[in-house]
Amino acid sequence: MYAIVEIAGQQFKVEKGQKLFVQRLHDANNAEEDAKLNSDIEFEKVLLIDNNGTITVGTPTVSGAKVSAKVLSHVKGDKVLVFHKKRRKGLRKLNGHRQYFTEIQINDVVA
């Protein structure tokens, strides 16, 4: 059984027991704080569910379906280097960026 769920504006194909990295999740009560470690969260924007070959497609979401997950850690991704250069001008600029991620583990997919 798998589901396609929208988490933090992106769509993910999830199954029970799967670990994945999503954009940094924040606390539901305070948008400035990160989600607490080892806390359970639920995602209710389930777009599709496949239950052993029986596919249910939402319009736009499947009613009554939800995905529960557990927050494992907050990490930073690999550094991405952004290099700008204008030829014959001597202009060179190097910027670095590291994206913030939250690692979650899918506990259950409820259809």
PDB file of N, CA and C in Angstrom:
ATOM      1  N   MET A   1       0.849  -1.173   0.000  1.00  0.00           N
ATOM      2  CA  MET A   1       0.000   0.000   0.000  1.00  0.00           C
ATOM      3  C   MET A   1       0.894   1.236   0.000  1.00  0.00           C
ATOM      4  N   TYR A   2       0.617   2.156  -0.899  1.00  0.00           N
ATOM      5  CA  TYR A   2       1.341   3.408  -0.928  1.00  0.00           C
ATOM      6  C   TYR A   2       0.360   4.550  -1.156  1.00  0.00           C
ATOM      7  N   ALA A   3       0.840   5.760  -0.905  1.00  0.00           N
ATOM      8  CA  ALA A   3       0.023   6.951  -1.094  1.00  0.00           C
ATOM      9  C   ALA A   3       0.899   8.061  -1.654  1.00  0.00           C
ATOM     10  N   ILE A   4       0.264   8.959  -2.372  1.00  0.00           N
ATOM     11  CA  ILE A   4       0.935  10.176  -2.813  1.00  0.00           C
ATOM     12  C   ILE A   4       0.352  11.306  -1.973  1.00  0.00           C
ATOM     13  N   VAL A   5       1.237  11.954  -1.220  1.00  0.00           N
ATOM     14  CA  VAL A   5       0.803  12.947  -0.244  1.00  0.00           C
ATOM     15  C   VAL A   5       1.578  14.247  -0.470  1.00  0.00           C
ATOM     16  N   GLU A   6       0.921  15.364  -0.191  1.00  0.00           N
ATOM     17  CA  GLU A   6       1.569  16.662  -0.315  1.00  0.00           C
ATOM     18  C   GLU A   6       2.100  17.082   1.049  1.00  0.00           C
ATOM     19  N   ILE A   7       3.428  17.272   1.100  1.00  0.00           N
ATOM     20  CA  ILE A   7       4.094  17.673   2.342  1.00  0.00           C
ATOM     21  C   ILE A   7       4.893  18.934   2.043  1.00  0.00           C
ATOM     22  N   ALA A   8       4.577  20.010   2.725  1.00  0.00           N
ATOM     23  CA  ALA A   8       5.289  21.282   2.601  1.00  0.00           C
ATOM     24  C   ALA A   8       5.354  21.751   1.151  1.00  0.00           C
ATOM     25  N   GLY A   9       4.267  21.577   0.411  1.00  0.00           N
ATOM     26  CA  GLY A   9       4.191  22.074  -0.953  1.00  0.00           C
ATOM     27  C   GLY A   9       4.775  21.153  -2.006  1.00  0.00           C
ATOM     28  N   GLN A  10       5.293  19.986  -1.614  1.00  0.00           N
ATOM     29  CA  GLN A  10       5.843  19.034  -2.566  1.00  0.00           C
ATOM     30  C   GLN A  10       5.110  17.705  -2.435  1.00  0.00           C
ATOM     31  N   GLN A  11       5.074  16.945  -3.522  1.00  0.00           N
ATOM     32  CA  GLN A  11       4.386  15.664  -3.520  1.00  0.00           C
ATOM     33  C   GLN A  11       5.391  14.535  -3.370  1.00  0.00           C
ATOM     34  N   PHE A  12       5.059  13.572  -2.489  1.00  0.00           N
ATOM     35  CA  PHE A  12       5.922  12.436  -2.223  1.00  0.00           C
ATOM     36  C   PHE A  12       5.114  11.151  -2.296  1.00  0.00           C
ATOM     37  N   LYS A  13       5.741  10.093  -2.822  1.00  0.00           N
ATOM     38  CA  LYS A  13       5.159   8.762  -2.799  1.00  0.00           C
ATOM     39  C   LYS A  13       5.685   8.089  -1.536  1.00  0.00           C
ATOM     40  N   VAL A  14       4.774   7.717  -0.615  1.00  0.00           N
ATOM     41  CA  VAL A  14       5.188   7.197   0.682  1.00  0.00           C
ATOM     42  C   VAL A  14       4.573   5.825   0.932  1.00  0.00           C
ATOM     43  N   GLU A  15       5.306   5.011   1.698  1.00  0.00           N
ATOM     44  CA  GLU A  15       4.845   3.714   2.161  1.00  0.00           C
ATOM     45  C   GLU A  15       5.140   3.612   3.647  1.00  0.00           C
ATOM     46  N   LYS A  16       4.505   2.675   4.306  1.00  0.00           N
ATOM     47  CA  LYS A  16       4.717   2.482   5.743  1.00  0.00           C
ATOM     48  C   LYS A  16       6.160   2.053   5.998  1.00  0.00           C
ATOM     49  N   GLY A  17       6.804   2.693   6.987  1.00  0.00           N
ATOM     50  CA  GLY A  17       8.171   2.366   7.352  1.00  0.00           C
ATOM     51  C   GLY A  17       9.230   3.116   6.572  1.00  0.00           C
ATOM     52  N   GLN A  18       8.850   3.902   5.593  1.00  0.00           N
ATOM     53  CA  GLN A  18       9.803   4.622   4.742  1.00  0.00           C
ATOM     54  C   GLN A  18      10.327   5.855   5.466  1.00  0.00           C
ATOM     55  N   LYS A  19      11.629   6.145   5.269  1.00  0.00           N
ATOM     56  CA  LYS A  19      12.236   7.370   5.784  1.00  0.00           C
ATOM     57  C   LYS A  19      12.488   8.300   4.607  1.00  0.00           C
ATOM     58  N   LEU A  20      12.215   9.600   4.789  1.00  0.00           N
ATOM     59  CA  LEU A  20      12.471  10.539   3.716  1.00  0.00           C
ATOM     60  C   LEU A  20      12.784  11.917   4.279  1.00  0.00           C
ATOM     61  N   PHE A  21      13.443  12.728   3.459  1.00  0.00           N
ATOM     62  CA  PHE A  21      13.796  14.088   3.811  1.00  0.00           C
ATOM     63  C   PHE A  21      12.821  15.034   3.115  1.00  0.00           C
ATOM     64  N   VAL A  22      12.214  15.932   3.889  1.00  0.00           N
ATOM     65  CA  VAL A  22      11.289  16.924   3.354  1.00  0.00           C
ATOM     66  C   VAL A  22      11.784  18.309   3.762  1.00  0.00           C
ATOM     67  N   GLN A  23      11.203  19.346   3.186  1.00  0.00           N
ATOM     68  CA  GLN A  23      11.557  20.699   3.584  1.00  0.00           C
ATOM     69  C   GLN A  23      11.299  20.869   5.082  1.00  0.00           C
ATOM     70  N   ARG A  24      12.047  21.759   5.728  1.00  0.00           N
ATOM     71  CA  ARG A  24      11.979  21.923   7.177  1.00  0.00           C
ATOM     72  C   ARG A  24      10.544  22.118   7.635  1.00  0.00           C
ATOM     73  N   LEU A  25      10.084  21.241   8.526  1.00  0.00           N
ATOM     74  CA  LEU A  25       8.733  21.318   9.060  1.00  0.00           C
ATOM     75  C   LEU A  25       8.748  22.147  10.339  1.00  0.00           C
ATOM     76  N   HIS A  26       7.733  22.970  10.497  1.00  0.00           N
ATOM     77  CA  HIS A  26       7.630  23.836  11.657  1.00  0.00           C
ATOM     78  C   HIS A  26       6.521  23.362  12.580  1.00  0.00           C
ATOM     79  N   ASP A  27       6.555  23.841  13.799  1.00  0.00           N
ATOM     80  CA  ASP A  27       5.555  23.499  14.800  1.00  0.00           C
ATOM     81  C   ASP A  27       4.205  24.069  14.377  1.00  0.00           C
ATOM     82  N   ALA A  28       3.140  23.312  14.611  1.00  0.00           N
ATOM     83  CA  ALA A  28       1.808  23.755  14.192  1.00  0.00           C
ATOM     84  C   ALA A  28       1.348  24.979  14.988  1.00  0.00           C
ATOM     85  N   ASN A  29       1.771  25.096  16.243  1.00  0.00           N
ATOM     86  CA  ASN A  29       1.338  26.208  17.079  1.00  0.00           C
ATOM     87  C   ASN A  29       2.195  27.454  16.881  1.00  0.00           C
ATOM     88  N   ASN A  30       3.486  27.266  16.603  1.00  0.00           N
ATOM     89  CA  ASN A  30       4.402  28.396  16.446  1.00  0.00           C
ATOM     90  C   ASN A  30       5.190  28.208  15.153  1.00  0.00           C
ATOM     91  N   ALA A  31       4.968  29.083  14.184  1.00  0.00           N
ATOM     92  CA  ALA A  31       5.593  28.923  12.863  1.00  0.00           C
ATOM     93  C   ALA A  31       7.091  29.188  12.884  1.00  0.00           C
ATOM     94  N   GLU A  32       7.593  29.817  13.950  1.00  0.00           N
ATOM     95  CA  GLU A  32       9.020  30.120  14.000  1.00  0.00           C
ATOM     96  C   GLU A  32       9.838  28.986  14.599  1.00  0.00           C
ATOM     97  N   GLU A  33       9.211  28.049  15.297  1.00  0.00           N
ATOM     98  CA  GLU A  33       9.927  26.930  15.903  1.00  0.00           C
ATOM     99  C   GLU A  33       9.828  25.699  15.000  1.00  0.00           C
ATOM    100  N   ASP A  34      10.882  24.882  15.031  1.00  0.00           N
ATOM    101  CA  ASP A  34      10.866  23.638  14.279  1.00  0.00           C
ATOM    102  C   ASP A  34       9.973  22.623  14.979  1.00  0.00           C
ATOM    103  N   ALA A  35       9.527  21.645  14.202  1.00  0.00           N
ATOM    104  CA  ALA A  35       8.729  20.564  14.789  1.00  0.00           C
ATOM    105  C   ALA A  35       9.587  19.814  15.801  1.00  0.00           C
ATOM    106  N   LYS A  36       8.979  19.417  16.893  1.00  0.00           N
ATOM    107  CA  LYS A  36       9.726  18.770  17.969  1.00  0.00           C
ATOM    108  C   LYS A  36      10.160  17.364  17.554  1.00  0.00           C
ATOM    109  N   LEU A  37      11.367  16.981  17.988  1.00  0.00           N
ATOM    110  CA  LEU A  37      11.890  15.653  17.679  1.00  0.00           C
ATOM    111  C   LEU A  37      11.038  14.586  18.333  1.00  0.00           C
ATOM    112  N   ASN A  38      10.894  13.451  17.668  1.00  0.00           N
ATOM    113  CA  ASN A  38      10.109  12.293  18.115  1.00  0.00           C
ATOM    114  C   ASN A  38       8.630  12.608  18.288  1.00  0.00           C
ATOM    115  N   SER A  39       8.150  13.690  17.708  1.00  0.00           N
ATOM    116  CA  SER A  39       6.725  13.994  17.767  1.00  0.00           C
ATOM    117  C   SER A  39       6.027  13.392  16.555  1.00  0.00           C
ATOM    118  N   ASP A  40       4.766  13.062  16.729  1.00  0.00           N
ATOM    119  CA  ASP A  40       3.973  12.499  15.639  1.00  0.00           C
ATOM    120  C   ASP A  40       3.226  13.622  14.931  1.00  0.00           C
ATOM    121  N   ILE A  41       3.234  13.584  13.608  1.00  0.00           N
ATOM    122  CA  ILE A  41       2.520  14.562  12.806  1.00  0.00           C
ATOM    123  C   ILE A  41       1.667  13.821  11.785  1.00  0.00           C
ATOM    124  N   GLU A  42       0.617  14.488  11.320  1.00  0.00           N
ATOM    125  CA  GLU A  42      -0.291  13.886  10.342  1.00  0.00           C
ATOM    126  C   GLU A  42      -0.404  14.803   9.129  1.00  0.00           C
ATOM    127  N   PHE A  43      -0.458  14.177   7.971  1.00  0.00           N
ATOM    128  CA  PHE A  43      -0.636  14.890   6.714  1.00  0.00           C
ATOM    129  C   PHE A  43      -1.971  14.445   6.133  1.00  0.00           C
ATOM    130  N   GLU A  44      -2.853  15.406   5.883  1.00  0.00           N
ATOM    131  CA  GLU A  44      -4.196  15.071   5.420  1.00  0.00           C
ATOM    132  C   GLU A  44      -4.418  15.387   3.941  1.00  0.00           C
ATOM    133  N   LYS A  45      -3.414  15.947   3.272  1.00  0.00           N
ATOM    134  CA  LYS A  45      -3.535  16.221   1.838  1.00  0.00           C
ATOM    135  C   LYS A  45      -3.051  14.999   1.062  1.00  0.00           C
ATOM    136  N   VAL A  46      -3.840  13.938   1.088  1.00  0.00           N
ATOM    137  CA  VAL A  46      -3.527  12.704   0.371  1.00  0.00           C
ATOM    138  C   VAL A  46      -4.178  12.789  -1.003  1.00  0.00           C
ATOM    139  N   LEU A  47      -3.359  12.703  -2.052  1.00  0.00           N
ATOM    140  CA  LEU A  47      -3.857  12.887  -3.405  1.00  0.00           C
ATOM    141  C   LEU A  47      -4.238  11.584  -4.083  1.00  0.00           C
ATOM    142  N   LEU A  48      -3.583  10.478  -3.693  1.00  0.00           N
ATOM    143  CA  LEU A  48      -3.847   9.185  -4.322  1.00  0.00           C
ATOM    144  C   LEU A  48      -3.486   8.085  -3.332  1.00  0.00           C
ATOM    145  N   ILE A  49      -4.263   6.999  -3.355  1.00  0.00           N
ATOM    146  CA  ILE A  49      -3.960   5.825  -2.525  1.00  0.00           C
ATOM    147  C   ILE A  49      -4.072   4.585  -3.391  1.00  0.00           C
ATOM    148  N   ASP A  50      -3.058   3.714  -3.303  1.00  0.00           N
ATOM    149  CA  ASP A  50      -3.082   2.416  -3.977  1.00  0.00           C
ATOM    150  C   ASP A  50      -3.108   1.358  -2.895  1.00  0.00           C
ATOM    151  N   ASN A  51      -4.246   0.664  -2.776  1.00  0.00           N
ATOM    152  CA  ASN A  51      -4.423  -0.369  -1.764  1.00  0.00           C
ATOM    153  C   ASN A  51      -4.462  -1.726  -2.450  1.00  0.00           C
ATOM    154  N   ASN A  52      -3.270  -2.314  -2.668  1.00  0.00           N
ATOM    155  CA  ASN A  52      -3.133  -3.623  -3.315  1.00  0.00           C
ATOM    156  C   ASN A  52      -3.827  -3.674  -4.671  1.00  0.00           C
ATOM    157  N   GLY A  53      -3.577  -2.687  -5.506  1.00  0.00           N
ATOM    158  CA  GLY A  53      -4.138  -2.669  -6.853  1.00  0.00           C
ATOM    159  C   GLY A  53      -5.397  -1.852  -6.994  1.00  0.00           C
ATOM    160  N   THR A  54      -6.066  -1.503  -5.894  1.00  0.00           N
ATOM    161  CA  THR A  54      -7.248  -0.659  -5.940  1.00  0.00           C
ATOM    162  C   THR A  54      -6.805   0.783  -5.766  1.00  0.00           C
ATOM    163  N   ILE A  55      -6.914   1.556  -6.836  1.00  0.00           N
ATOM    164  CA  ILE A  55      -6.426   2.926  -6.820  1.00  0.00           C
ATOM    165  C   ILE A  55      -7.580   3.884  -6.572  1.00  0.00           C
ATOM    166  N   THR A  56      -7.388   4.784  -5.599  1.00  0.00           N
ATOM    167  CA  THR A  56      -8.359   5.822  -5.302  1.00  0.00           C
ATOM    168  C   THR A  56      -7.697   7.164  -5.558  1.00  0.00           C
ATOM    169  N   VAL A  57      -8.266   7.925  -6.485  1.00  0.00           N
ATOM    170  CA  VAL A  57      -7.724   9.232  -6.833  1.00  0.00           C
ATOM    171  C   VAL A  57      -8.628  10.295  -6.226  1.00  0.00           C
ATOM    172  N   GLY A  58      -8.033  11.268  -5.543  1.00  0.00           N
ATOM    173  CA  GLY A  58      -8.797  12.326  -4.912  1.00  0.00           C
ATOM    174  C   GLY A  58      -9.173  13.429  -5.875  1.00  0.00           C
ATOM    175  N   THR A  59     -10.198  14.169  -5.509  1.00  0.00           N
ATOM    176  CA  THR A  59     -10.627  15.315  -6.308  1.00  0.00           C
ATOM    177  C   THR A  59     -10.759  16.542  -5.418  1.00  0.00           C
ATOM    178  N   PRO A  60      -9.797  17.281  -5.033  1.00  0.00           N
ATOM    179  CA  PRO A  60      -8.366  17.082  -5.236  1.00  0.00           C
ATOM    180  C   PRO A  60      -7.714  16.163  -4.214  1.00  0.00           C
ATOM    181  N   THR A  61      -8.366  15.925  -3.062  1.00  0.00           N
ATOM    182  CA  THR A  61      -7.776  15.025  -2.066  1.00  0.00           C
ATOM    183  C   THR A  61      -8.742  13.889  -1.772  1.00  0.00           C
ATOM    184  N   VAL A  62      -8.203  12.799  -1.239  1.00  0.00           N
ATOM    185  CA  VAL A  62      -9.014  11.651  -0.852  1.00  0.00           C
ATOM    186  C   VAL A  62      -9.604  11.954   0.521  1.00  0.00           C
ATOM    187  N   SER A  63     -10.940  11.929   0.628  1.00  0.00           N
ATOM    188  CA  SER A  63     -11.574  12.263   1.903  1.00  0.00           C
ATOM    189  C   SER A  63     -11.385  11.126   2.904  1.00  0.00           C
ATOM    190  N   GLY A  64     -11.060  11.492   4.125  1.00  0.00           N
ATOM    191  CA  GLY A  64     -10.879  10.517   5.192  1.00  0.00           C
ATOM    192  C   GLY A  64      -9.520   9.851   5.221  1.00  0.00           C
ATOM    193  N   ALA A  65      -8.670  10.154   4.289  1.00  0.00           N
ATOM    194  CA  ALA A  65      -7.345   9.540   4.239  1.00  0.00           C
ATOM    195  C   ALA A  65      -6.326  10.451   4.907  1.00  0.00           C
ATOM    196  N   LYS A  66      -5.358   9.828   5.571  1.00  0.00           N
ATOM    197  CA  LYS A  66      -4.288  10.602   6.182  1.00  0.00           C
ATOM    198  C   LYS A  66      -3.048   9.738   6.322  1.00  0.00           C
ATOM    199  N   VAL A  67      -1.924  10.412   6.454  1.00  0.00           N
ATOM    200  CA  VAL A  67      -0.637   9.744   6.613  1.00  0.00           C
ATOM    201  C   VAL A  67      -0.035  10.254   7.917  1.00  0.00           C
ATOM    202  N   SER A  68       0.337   9.333   8.805  1.00  0.00           N
ATOM    203  CA  SER A  68       0.971   9.733  10.059  1.00  0.00           C
ATOM    204  C   SER A  68       2.457   9.440   9.975  1.00  0.00           C
ATOM    205  N   ALA A  69       3.249  10.354  10.556  1.00  0.00           N
ATOM    206  CA  ALA A  69       4.701  10.242  10.495  1.00  0.00           C
ATOM    207  C   ALA A  69       5.300  10.690  11.813  1.00  0.00           C
ATOM    208  N   LYS A  70       6.583  10.363  11.981  1.00  0.00           N
ATOM    209  CA  LYS A  70       7.323  10.721  13.186  1.00  0.00           C
ATOM    210  C   LYS A  70       8.545  11.527  12.768  1.00  0.00           C
ATOM    211  N   VAL A  71       8.804  12.646  13.457  1.00  0.00           N
ATOM    212  CA  VAL A  71       9.955  13.494  13.161  1.00  0.00           C
ATOM    213  C   VAL A  71      11.193  12.862  13.784  1.00  0.00           C
ATOM    214  N   LEU A  72      12.198  12.551  12.947  1.00  0.00           N
ATOM    215  CA  LEU A  72      13.413  11.918  13.438  1.00  0.00           C
ATOM    216  C   LEU A  72      14.511  12.935  13.722  1.00  0.00           C
ATOM    217  N   SER A  73      14.761  13.869  12.797  1.00  0.00           N
ATOM    218  CA  SER A  73      15.838  14.837  12.994  1.00  0.00           C
ATOM    219  C   SER A  73      15.670  16.015  12.047  1.00  0.00           C
ATOM    220  N   HIS A  74      16.402  17.087  12.365  1.00  0.00           N
ATOM    221  CA  HIS A  74      16.500  18.252  11.502  1.00  0.00           C
ATOM    222  C   HIS A  74      17.945  18.340  11.035  1.00  0.00           C
ATOM    223  N   VAL A  75      18.153  18.401   9.725  1.00  0.00           N
ATOM    224  CA  VAL A  75      19.504  18.392   9.171  1.00  0.00           C
ATOM    225  C   VAL A  75      19.638  19.489   8.115  1.00  0.00           C
ATOM    226  N   LYS A  76      20.884  19.716   7.699  1.00  0.00           N
ATOM    227  CA  LYS A  76      21.165  20.621   6.592  1.00  0.00           C
ATOM    228  C   LYS A  76      21.688  19.797   5.432  1.00  0.00           C
ATOM    229  N   GLY A  77      21.284  20.160   4.226  1.00  0.00           N
ATOM    230  CA  GLY A  77      21.705  19.445   3.035  1.00  0.00           C
ATOM    231  C   GLY A  77      23.127  19.796   2.640  1.00  0.00           C
ATOM    232  N   ASP A  78      23.584  19.210   1.553  1.00  0.00           N
ATOM    233  CA  ASP A  78      24.915  19.493   1.040  1.00  0.00           C
ATOM    234  C   ASP A  78      24.975  20.929   0.524  1.00  0.00           C
ATOM    235  N   LYS A  79      26.172  21.492   0.542  1.00  0.00           N
ATOM    236  CA  LYS A  79      26.347  22.858   0.084  1.00  0.00           C
ATOM    237  C   LYS A  79      26.238  22.917  -1.439  1.00  0.00           C
ATOM    238  N   VAL A  80      25.478  23.882  -1.907  1.00  0.00           N
ATOM    239  CA  VAL A  80      25.331  24.144  -3.331  1.00  0.00           C
ATOM    240  C   VAL A  80      26.063  25.447  -3.612  1.00  0.00           C
ATOM    241  N   LEU A  81      27.019  25.412  -4.535  1.00  0.00           N
ATOM    242  CA  LEU A  81      27.784  26.598  -4.877  1.00  0.00           C
ATOM    243  C   LEU A  81      27.172  27.273  -6.099  1.00  0.00           C
ATOM    244  N   VAL A  82      26.955  28.581  -5.991  1.00  0.00           N
ATOM    245  CA  VAL A  82      26.398  29.376  -7.079  1.00  0.00           C
ATOM    246  C   VAL A  82      27.482  30.352  -7.504  1.00  0.00           C
ATOM    247  N   PHE A  83      27.963  30.215  -8.744  1.00  0.00           N
ATOM    248  CA  PHE A  83      29.074  31.027  -9.235  1.00  0.00           C
ATOM    249  C   PHE A  83      28.602  31.905 -10.378  1.00  0.00           C
ATOM    250  N   HIS A  84      28.811  33.212 -10.241  1.00  0.00           N
ATOM    251  CA  HIS A  84      28.459  34.158 -11.283  1.00  0.00           C
ATOM    252  C   HIS A  84      29.747  34.737 -11.860  1.00  0.00           C
ATOM    253  N   LYS A  85      29.803  34.866 -13.171  1.00  0.00           N
ATOM    254  CA  LYS A  85      30.979  35.443 -13.818  1.00  0.00           C
ATOM    255  C   LYS A  85      30.533  36.219 -15.053  1.00  0.00           C
ATOM    256  N   LYS A  86      31.107  37.370 -15.238  1.00  0.00           N
ATOM    257  CA  LYS A  86      30.916  38.122 -16.472  1.00  0.00           C
ATOM    258  C   LYS A  86      32.260  38.164 -17.179  1.00  0.00           C
ATOM    259  N   ARG A  87      32.279  37.640 -18.370  1.00  0.00           N
ATOM    260  CA  ARG A  87      33.556  37.535 -19.068  1.00  0.00           C
ATOM    261  C   ARG A  87      34.084  38.915 -19.468  1.00  0.00           C
ATOM    262  N   ARG A  88      35.392  39.010 -19.481  1.00  0.00           N
ATOM    263  CA  ARG A  88      36.135  40.209 -19.846  1.00  0.00           C
ATOM    264  C   ARG A  88      35.891  41.395 -18.913  1.00  0.00           C
ATOM    265  N   LYS A  89      35.213  41.222 -17.824  1.00  0.00           N
ATOM    266  CA  LYS A  89      34.943  42.324 -16.896  1.00  0.00           C
ATOM    267  C   LYS A  89      35.662  42.129 -15.555  1.00  0.00           C
ATOM    268  N   GLY A  90      36.143  40.919 -15.290  1.00  0.00           N
ATOM    269  CA  GLY A  90      36.792  40.649 -14.010  1.00  0.00           C
ATOM    270  C   GLY A  90      35.805  40.457 -12.882  1.00  0.00           C
ATOM    271  N   LEU A  91      34.513  40.306 -13.189  1.00  0.00           N
ATOM    272  CA  LEU A  91      33.495  40.143 -12.158  1.00  0.00           C
ATOM    273  C   LEU A  91      33.286  38.659 -11.887  1.00  0.00           C
ATOM    274  N   ARG A  92      33.577  38.265 -10.675  1.00  0.00           N
ATOM    275  CA  ARG A  92      33.334  36.889 -10.234  1.00  0.00           C
ATOM    276  C   ARG A  92      32.722  36.943  -8.845  1.00  0.00           C
ATOM    277  N   LYS A  93      31.667  36.161  -8.632  1.00  0.00           N
ATOM    278  CA  LYS A  93      31.001  36.148  -7.337  1.00  0.00           C
ATOM    279  C   LYS A  93      30.624  34.703  -7.017  1.00  0.00           C
ATOM    280  N   LEU A  94      30.950  34.261  -5.823  1.00  0.00           N
ATOM    281  CA  LEU A  94      30.672  32.894  -5.397  1.00  0.00           C
ATOM    282  C   LEU A  94      29.805  32.935  -4.151  1.00  0.00           C
ATOM    283  N   ASN A  95      28.646  32.325  -4.222  1.00  0.00           N
ATOM    284  CA  ASN A  95      27.742  32.221  -3.079  1.00  0.00           C
ATOM    285  C   ASN A  95      27.516  30.750  -2.779  1.00  0.00           C
ATOM    286  N   GLY A  96      27.349  30.438  -1.507  1.00  0.00           N
ATOM    287  CA  GLY A  96      27.030  29.079  -1.094  1.00  0.00           C
ATOM    288  C   GLY A  96      25.678  29.037  -0.418  1.00  0.00           C
ATOM    289  N   HIS A  97      25.055  27.854  -0.436  1.00  0.00           N
ATOM    290  CA  HIS A  97      23.727  27.712   0.150  1.00  0.00           C
ATOM    291  C   HIS A  97      23.547  26.291   0.655  1.00  0.00           C
ATOM    292  N   ARG A  98      23.003  26.152   1.849  1.00  0.00           N
ATOM    293  CA  ARG A  98      22.658  24.829   2.387  1.00  0.00           C
ATOM    294  C   ARG A  98      21.193  24.838   2.775  1.00  0.00           C
ATOM    295  N   GLN A  99      20.434  23.897   2.226  1.00  0.00           N
ATOM    296  CA  GLN A  99      18.998  23.827   2.465  1.00  0.00           C
ATOM    297  C   GLN A  99      18.726  23.100   3.778  1.00  0.00           C
ATOM    298  N   TYR A 100      17.680  23.520   4.481  1.00  0.00           N
ATOM    299  CA  TYR A 100      17.268  22.879   5.723  1.00  0.00           C
ATOM    300  C   TYR A 100      16.255  21.781   5.420  1.00  0.00           C
ATOM    301  N   PHE A 101      16.460  20.591   5.998  1.00  0.00           N
ATOM    302  CA  PHE A 101      15.563  19.463   5.800  1.00  0.00           C
ATOM    303  C   PHE A 101      15.121  18.886   7.139  1.00  0.00           C
ATOM    304  N   THR A 102      14.011  18.168   7.113  1.00  0.00           N
ATOM    305  CA  THR A 102      13.534  17.410   8.253  1.00  0.00           C
ATOM    306  C   THR A 102      13.436  15.955   7.812  1.00  0.00           C
ATOM    307  N   GLU A 103      14.005  15.060   8.598  1.00  0.00           N
ATOM    308  CA  GLU A 103      13.912  13.633   8.291  1.00  0.00           C
ATOM    309  C   GLU A 103      12.706  13.072   9.036  1.00  0.00           C
ATOM    310  N   ILE A 104      11.808  12.428   8.289  1.00  0.00           N
ATOM    311  CA  ILE A 104      10.629  11.834   8.907  1.00  0.00           C
ATOM    312  C   ILE A 104      10.543  10.361   8.537  1.00  0.00           C
ATOM    313  N   GLN A 105       9.831   9.604   9.377  1.00  0.00           N
ATOM    314  CA  GLN A 105       9.562   8.202   9.098  1.00  0.00           C
ATOM    315  C   GLN A 105       8.055   8.012   9.080  1.00  0.00           C
ATOM    316  N   ILE A 106       7.567   7.372   8.017  1.00  0.00           N
ATOM    317  CA  ILE A 106       6.134   7.158   7.850  1.00  0.00           C
ATOM    318  C   ILE A 106       5.691   6.020   8.765  1.00  0.00           C
ATOM    319  N   ASN A 107       4.747   6.299   9.660  1.00  0.00           N
ATOM    320  CA  ASN A 107       4.236   5.282  10.575  1.00  0.00           C
ATOM    321  C   ASN A 107       3.085   4.492   9.971  1.00  0.00           C
ATOM    322  N   ASP A 108       2.152   5.205   9.338  1.00  0.00           N
ATOM    323  CA  ASP A 108       0.949   4.512   8.876  1.00  0.00           C
ATOM    324  C   ASP A 108       0.286   5.320   7.765  1.00  0.00           C
ATOM    325  N   VAL A 109      -0.350   4.600   6.849  1.00  0.00           N
ATOM    326  CA  VAL A 109      -1.160   5.201   5.782  1.00  0.00           C
ATOM    327  C   VAL A 109      -2.593   4.727   6.012  1.00  0.00           C
ATOM    328  N   VAL A 110      -3.491   5.661   6.329  1.00  0.00           N
ATOM    329  CA  VAL A 110      -4.883   5.326   6.633  1.00  0.00           C
ATOM    330  C   VAL A 110      -5.738   5.704   5.445  1.00  0.00           C
ATOM    331  N   ALA A 111      -6.458   4.741   4.880  1.00  0.00           N
ATOM    332  CA  ALA A 111      -7.289   5.006   3.710  1.00  0.00           C
ATOM    333  C   ALA A 111      -8.698   5.378   4.123  1.00  0.00           C
TER     334      ALA A 111
END
